[in-house]
N, C-alpha and C. Protein backbone atom coordinates (compact mmCIF):
# COMPACT_ATOMS: atom_id res chain seq x y z
N VAL A 1 72.63 34.20 -37.18
CA VAL A 1 71.64 35.08 -36.59
C VAL A 1 71.48 36.25 -37.55
N SER A 2 70.27 36.54 -37.91
CA SER A 2 70.03 37.54 -38.94
C SER A 2 69.95 38.96 -38.42
N THR A 3 69.74 39.14 -37.14
CA THR A 3 69.65 40.50 -36.62
C THR A 3 71.04 41.11 -36.52
N ASN A 4 71.10 42.41 -36.62
CA ASN A 4 72.39 43.09 -36.60
C ASN A 4 72.50 44.05 -35.42
N LYS A 5 71.68 43.83 -34.40
CA LYS A 5 71.72 44.74 -33.27
C LYS A 5 72.37 44.06 -32.07
N ILE A 6 72.96 44.88 -31.22
CA ILE A 6 73.56 44.41 -29.99
C ILE A 6 72.52 44.56 -28.89
N SER A 7 72.35 43.54 -28.09
CA SER A 7 71.39 43.58 -27.00
C SER A 7 71.75 44.67 -26.00
N TYR A 8 70.75 45.23 -25.38
CA TYR A 8 70.98 46.31 -24.43
C TYR A 8 71.86 45.89 -23.25
N PHE A 9 71.88 44.61 -22.94
CA PHE A 9 72.64 44.12 -21.79
C PHE A 9 74.03 43.59 -22.18
N SER A 10 74.43 43.77 -23.43
CA SER A 10 75.70 43.24 -23.92
C SER A 10 76.89 43.94 -23.28
N ASN A 11 77.94 43.17 -23.07
CA ASN A 11 79.22 43.72 -22.67
C ASN A 11 80.02 43.96 -23.94
N TYR A 12 80.62 45.11 -24.06
CA TYR A 12 81.43 45.39 -25.23
C TYR A 12 82.51 46.40 -24.89
N SER A 13 83.54 46.42 -25.72
CA SER A 13 84.65 47.35 -25.55
C SER A 13 85.46 47.33 -26.83
N SER A 14 85.73 48.48 -27.37
CA SER A 14 86.54 48.54 -28.59
C SER A 14 88.01 48.25 -28.30
N HIS A 15 88.35 48.06 -27.03
CA HIS A 15 89.73 47.73 -26.66
C HIS A 15 89.90 46.26 -26.30
N TYR A 16 88.87 45.62 -25.74
CA TYR A 16 89.04 44.27 -25.19
C TYR A 16 88.21 43.19 -25.88
N VAL A 17 87.07 43.52 -26.42
CA VAL A 17 86.21 42.54 -27.06
C VAL A 17 86.62 42.44 -28.53
N GLU A 18 86.97 41.22 -28.95
CA GLU A 18 87.51 41.06 -30.31
C GLU A 18 86.52 40.55 -31.34
N ILE A 19 85.37 40.01 -30.88
CA ILE A 19 84.42 39.47 -31.85
C ILE A 19 83.02 39.52 -31.27
N LEU A 20 82.06 39.84 -32.12
CA LEU A 20 80.66 39.80 -31.73
C LEU A 20 80.14 38.39 -31.96
N ALA A 21 79.30 37.92 -31.06
CA ALA A 21 78.67 36.61 -31.22
C ALA A 21 77.23 36.73 -30.76
N PRO A 22 76.34 35.94 -31.33
CA PRO A 22 74.93 36.04 -30.94
C PRO A 22 74.70 35.64 -29.49
N GLY A 23 73.99 36.48 -28.76
CA GLY A 23 73.63 36.19 -27.38
C GLY A 23 72.15 36.34 -27.15
N SER A 24 71.47 36.86 -28.15
CA SER A 24 70.01 36.93 -28.07
C SER A 24 69.45 37.05 -29.48
N HIS A 25 68.23 36.68 -29.62
CA HIS A 25 67.51 36.76 -30.90
C HIS A 25 66.09 36.30 -30.63
N LYS A 26 65.44 35.74 -31.60
CA LYS A 26 64.06 35.27 -31.48
C LYS A 26 63.23 36.36 -30.79
N SER A 27 63.21 37.52 -31.45
CA SER A 27 62.51 38.70 -30.93
C SER A 27 62.99 39.05 -29.53
N ASP A 28 64.30 38.93 -29.32
CA ASP A 28 64.97 39.22 -28.05
C ASP A 28 64.55 38.29 -26.93
N GLY A 29 63.95 37.17 -27.27
CA GLY A 29 63.63 36.16 -26.26
C GLY A 29 64.78 35.22 -26.00
N GLY A 30 65.80 35.27 -26.85
CA GLY A 30 66.99 34.46 -26.64
C GLY A 30 67.28 33.50 -27.76
N LEU A 31 68.30 32.69 -27.54
CA LEU A 31 68.71 31.64 -28.47
C LEU A 31 68.20 30.31 -27.95
N LEU A 32 67.80 29.47 -28.86
CA LEU A 32 67.29 28.16 -28.48
C LEU A 32 68.42 27.30 -27.93
N SER A 33 68.21 26.74 -26.76
CA SER A 33 69.23 25.94 -26.09
C SER A 33 68.63 24.64 -25.58
N THR A 34 69.46 23.63 -25.47
CA THR A 34 69.01 22.38 -24.88
C THR A 34 69.01 22.52 -23.36
N ILE A 35 68.03 21.90 -22.73
CA ILE A 35 67.97 21.88 -21.27
C ILE A 35 67.66 20.46 -20.82
N ALA A 36 67.61 20.26 -19.52
CA ALA A 36 67.42 18.92 -18.96
C ALA A 36 66.14 18.26 -19.46
N ASN A 37 66.14 16.95 -19.42
CA ASN A 37 64.98 16.12 -19.77
C ASN A 37 64.56 16.26 -21.24
N ASN A 38 65.56 16.35 -22.12
CA ASN A 38 65.30 16.40 -23.57
C ASN A 38 64.36 17.53 -23.97
N ARG A 39 64.56 18.70 -23.37
CA ARG A 39 63.71 19.85 -23.69
C ARG A 39 64.58 20.99 -24.23
N TYR A 40 63.90 22.02 -24.71
CA TYR A 40 64.55 23.21 -25.24
C TYR A 40 63.93 24.43 -24.59
N ALA A 41 64.74 25.50 -24.50
CA ALA A 41 64.25 26.77 -23.98
C ALA A 41 65.08 27.89 -24.59
N TYR A 42 64.52 29.09 -24.58
CA TYR A 42 65.24 30.26 -25.08
C TYR A 42 65.93 30.97 -23.91
N TYR A 43 67.23 31.26 -24.10
CA TYR A 43 68.01 31.99 -23.11
C TYR A 43 68.79 33.07 -23.84
N GLN A 44 69.27 34.05 -23.09
CA GLN A 44 70.03 35.13 -23.72
C GLN A 44 71.14 35.61 -22.80
N GLY A 45 72.10 36.29 -23.38
CA GLY A 45 73.18 36.88 -22.62
C GLY A 45 74.53 36.28 -22.97
N THR A 46 75.54 36.73 -22.23
CA THR A 46 76.90 36.24 -22.44
C THR A 46 76.95 34.72 -22.27
N SER A 47 76.10 34.20 -21.41
CA SER A 47 76.07 32.76 -21.19
C SER A 47 75.59 32.01 -22.43
N MET A 48 75.03 32.71 -23.39
CA MET A 48 74.66 32.08 -24.66
C MET A 48 75.70 32.38 -25.74
N ALA A 49 76.27 33.58 -25.74
CA ALA A 49 77.26 33.96 -26.75
C ALA A 49 78.56 33.17 -26.59
N SER A 50 79.00 33.00 -25.37
CA SER A 50 80.26 32.28 -25.12
C SER A 50 80.23 30.85 -25.65
N PRO A 51 79.16 30.08 -25.40
CA PRO A 51 79.13 28.72 -25.95
C PRO A 51 79.08 28.68 -27.47
N VAL A 52 78.51 29.71 -28.09
CA VAL A 52 78.49 29.76 -29.55
C VAL A 52 79.93 29.87 -30.07
N VAL A 53 80.71 30.77 -29.49
CA VAL A 53 82.11 30.94 -29.91
C VAL A 53 82.91 29.67 -29.58
N ALA A 54 82.68 29.10 -28.41
CA ALA A 54 83.39 27.87 -28.04
C ALA A 54 83.05 26.74 -29.00
N GLY A 55 81.79 26.64 -29.40
CA GLY A 55 81.39 25.61 -30.35
C GLY A 55 82.05 25.79 -31.71
N VAL A 56 82.12 27.02 -32.18
CA VAL A 56 82.80 27.29 -33.45
C VAL A 56 84.30 26.98 -33.32
N ALA A 57 84.89 27.33 -32.18
CA ALA A 57 86.31 27.01 -31.96
C ALA A 57 86.52 25.50 -31.99
N ALA A 58 85.60 24.75 -31.39
CA ALA A 58 85.71 23.28 -31.41
C ALA A 58 85.60 22.74 -32.83
N LEU A 59 84.73 23.31 -33.62
CA LEU A 59 84.62 22.89 -35.03
C LEU A 59 85.92 23.19 -35.78
N ILE A 60 86.54 24.33 -35.49
CA ILE A 60 87.82 24.68 -36.11
C ILE A 60 88.88 23.64 -35.73
N VAL A 61 88.97 23.33 -34.44
CA VAL A 61 89.94 22.33 -33.98
C VAL A 61 89.72 20.99 -34.68
N GLY A 62 88.48 20.57 -34.76
CA GLY A 62 88.17 19.30 -35.41
C GLY A 62 88.58 19.29 -36.87
N GLN A 63 88.31 20.37 -37.57
CA GLN A 63 88.66 20.44 -38.98
C GLN A 63 90.17 20.49 -39.17
N LEU A 64 90.87 21.24 -38.31
CA LEU A 64 92.33 21.31 -38.41
C LEU A 64 92.95 19.94 -38.17
N ARG A 65 92.44 19.22 -37.19
CA ARG A 65 92.96 17.87 -36.92
C ARG A 65 92.69 16.94 -38.10
N LYS A 66 91.52 17.08 -38.69
CA LYS A 66 91.18 16.28 -39.86
C LYS A 66 92.16 16.57 -41.01
N GLN A 67 92.60 17.82 -41.09
CA GLN A 67 93.55 18.22 -42.12
C GLN A 67 95.00 17.96 -41.69
N GLU A 68 95.16 17.35 -40.52
CA GLU A 68 96.48 17.04 -39.96
C GLU A 68 97.34 18.28 -39.78
N THR A 69 96.70 19.36 -39.36
CA THR A 69 97.38 20.62 -39.07
C THR A 69 97.63 20.69 -37.56
N THR A 70 98.79 21.17 -37.17
CA THR A 70 99.10 21.35 -35.76
C THR A 70 98.18 22.43 -35.20
N VAL A 71 97.45 22.09 -34.15
CA VAL A 71 96.47 23.01 -33.56
C VAL A 71 97.09 23.71 -32.36
N THR A 72 97.00 25.04 -32.39
CA THR A 72 97.42 25.84 -31.24
C THR A 72 96.30 26.83 -30.93
N PRO A 73 96.22 27.28 -29.69
CA PRO A 73 95.20 28.29 -29.36
C PRO A 73 95.32 29.55 -30.23
N SER A 74 96.55 29.97 -30.51
CA SER A 74 96.71 31.17 -31.33
C SER A 74 96.24 30.96 -32.77
N LEU A 75 96.39 29.75 -33.31
CA LEU A 75 95.89 29.47 -34.65
C LEU A 75 94.36 29.49 -34.66
N VAL A 76 93.73 28.91 -33.65
CA VAL A 76 92.27 28.93 -33.57
C VAL A 76 91.78 30.37 -33.48
N GLU A 77 92.43 31.18 -32.64
CA GLU A 77 92.05 32.59 -32.52
C GLU A 77 92.24 33.32 -33.85
N GLN A 78 93.35 33.05 -34.52
CA GLN A 78 93.62 33.69 -35.81
C GLN A 78 92.53 33.36 -36.82
N ILE A 79 92.13 32.10 -36.88
CA ILE A 79 91.09 31.69 -37.83
C ILE A 79 89.75 32.33 -37.47
N LEU A 80 89.43 32.33 -36.17
CA LEU A 80 88.19 32.98 -35.73
C LEU A 80 88.14 34.44 -36.18
N LEU A 81 89.22 35.16 -35.94
CA LEU A 81 89.22 36.59 -36.23
C LEU A 81 89.45 36.91 -37.70
N ASP A 82 90.40 36.23 -38.33
CA ASP A 82 90.70 36.54 -39.73
C ASP A 82 89.60 36.11 -40.69
N SER A 83 88.84 35.09 -40.32
CA SER A 83 87.81 34.57 -41.21
C SER A 83 86.44 35.18 -40.95
N SER A 84 86.30 35.97 -39.93
CA SER A 84 85.02 36.60 -39.63
C SER A 84 84.98 37.98 -40.27
N PRO A 85 83.86 38.31 -40.89
CA PRO A 85 83.78 39.60 -41.58
C PRO A 85 83.69 40.77 -40.61
N GLN A 86 84.06 41.94 -41.12
CA GLN A 86 83.90 43.15 -40.32
C GLN A 86 82.44 43.56 -40.31
N ASP A 87 82.02 44.12 -39.19
CA ASP A 87 80.68 44.67 -39.04
C ASP A 87 80.85 46.11 -38.60
N LEU A 88 80.96 47.00 -39.56
CA LEU A 88 81.25 48.40 -39.25
C LEU A 88 80.12 49.09 -38.51
N THR A 89 78.96 48.46 -38.47
CA THR A 89 77.83 49.00 -37.71
C THR A 89 78.21 49.15 -36.24
N HIS A 90 79.08 48.27 -35.76
CA HIS A 90 79.44 48.25 -34.35
C HIS A 90 80.93 48.52 -34.13
N SER A 91 81.54 49.32 -34.99
CA SER A 91 82.98 49.57 -34.90
C SER A 91 83.37 50.27 -33.61
N ASP A 92 82.46 50.97 -32.99
CA ASP A 92 82.78 51.65 -31.73
C ASP A 92 82.67 50.72 -30.52
N LYS A 93 82.20 49.48 -30.75
CA LYS A 93 81.95 48.56 -29.64
C LYS A 93 82.84 47.33 -29.64
N VAL A 94 83.47 47.02 -30.76
CA VAL A 94 84.26 45.79 -30.89
C VAL A 94 85.58 46.09 -31.59
N LYS A 95 86.66 45.61 -31.00
CA LYS A 95 87.99 45.76 -31.58
C LYS A 95 88.00 45.15 -32.97
N ASN A 96 88.43 45.88 -33.96
CA ASN A 96 88.50 45.45 -35.36
C ASN A 96 87.14 45.14 -35.98
N SER A 97 86.05 45.40 -35.27
CA SER A 97 84.69 45.29 -35.81
C SER A 97 84.34 43.91 -36.35
N LYS A 98 84.83 42.85 -35.73
CA LYS A 98 84.60 41.49 -36.22
C LYS A 98 83.29 40.91 -35.69
N LYS A 99 82.61 40.14 -36.54
CA LYS A 99 81.35 39.49 -36.17
C LYS A 99 81.45 38.02 -36.56
N LEU A 100 81.22 37.14 -35.60
CA LEU A 100 81.32 35.70 -35.84
C LEU A 100 80.43 35.28 -37.00
N ASN A 101 81.01 34.49 -37.92
CA ASN A 101 80.25 34.01 -39.07
C ASN A 101 80.77 32.61 -39.42
N LEU A 102 80.00 31.60 -39.02
CA LEU A 102 80.43 30.22 -39.22
C LEU A 102 80.61 29.89 -40.69
N GLN A 103 79.78 30.41 -41.55
CA GLN A 103 79.89 30.11 -42.98
C GLN A 103 81.24 30.59 -43.54
N SER A 104 81.65 31.79 -43.18
CA SER A 104 82.93 32.29 -43.71
C SER A 104 84.11 31.53 -43.09
N ILE A 105 83.98 31.12 -41.84
CA ILE A 105 85.03 30.33 -41.21
C ILE A 105 85.13 28.96 -41.86
N ALA A 106 84.00 28.32 -42.12
CA ALA A 106 84.01 27.01 -42.78
C ALA A 106 84.61 27.10 -44.17
N GLN A 107 84.31 28.17 -44.88
CA GLN A 107 84.86 28.35 -46.22
C GLN A 107 86.39 28.53 -46.16
N ALA A 108 86.86 29.31 -45.19
CA ALA A 108 88.31 29.51 -45.05
C ALA A 108 88.99 28.18 -44.72
N LEU A 109 88.38 27.38 -43.87
CA LEU A 109 88.96 26.09 -43.51
C LEU A 109 88.98 25.14 -44.70
N SER A 110 87.91 25.13 -45.48
CA SER A 110 87.85 24.21 -46.61
C SER A 110 88.84 24.61 -47.70
N ASN A 111 89.17 25.91 -47.76
CA ASN A 111 90.14 26.39 -48.75
C ASN A 111 91.56 26.48 -48.19
N HIS A 112 91.72 26.01 -46.94
CA HIS A 112 93.02 26.08 -46.26
C HIS A 112 93.57 27.51 -46.22
N CYS A 113 92.68 28.48 -46.03
CA CYS A 113 93.07 29.89 -45.96
C CYS A 113 93.31 30.33 -44.53
N TYR A 114 94.42 29.92 -43.98
CA TYR A 114 94.78 30.32 -42.63
C TYR A 114 96.28 30.29 -42.48
């Protein structure tokens, strides 16, 4: 997601939220999602951001298994957080200022940097 702004309806906390993930875009109309009957629609909110993080976590698990690495929830969390770049624009809203970035996570996994 190319935008660097947090939606007005976002939940955030510099104490509890550990990573930013896209929950809206497309001129704030939302993220493209699959819906029933082979259709697509734009939706936004935590209900869109959470599946993005879950999907990236699933990709991490798949890659770790492919590499025959023992997978634990703490390792997946470590890779998510350690491989995501800081976004100092939102340092007051997110613990450690991390922003989900699949490209940097994929690169860390391919280089076995975890």
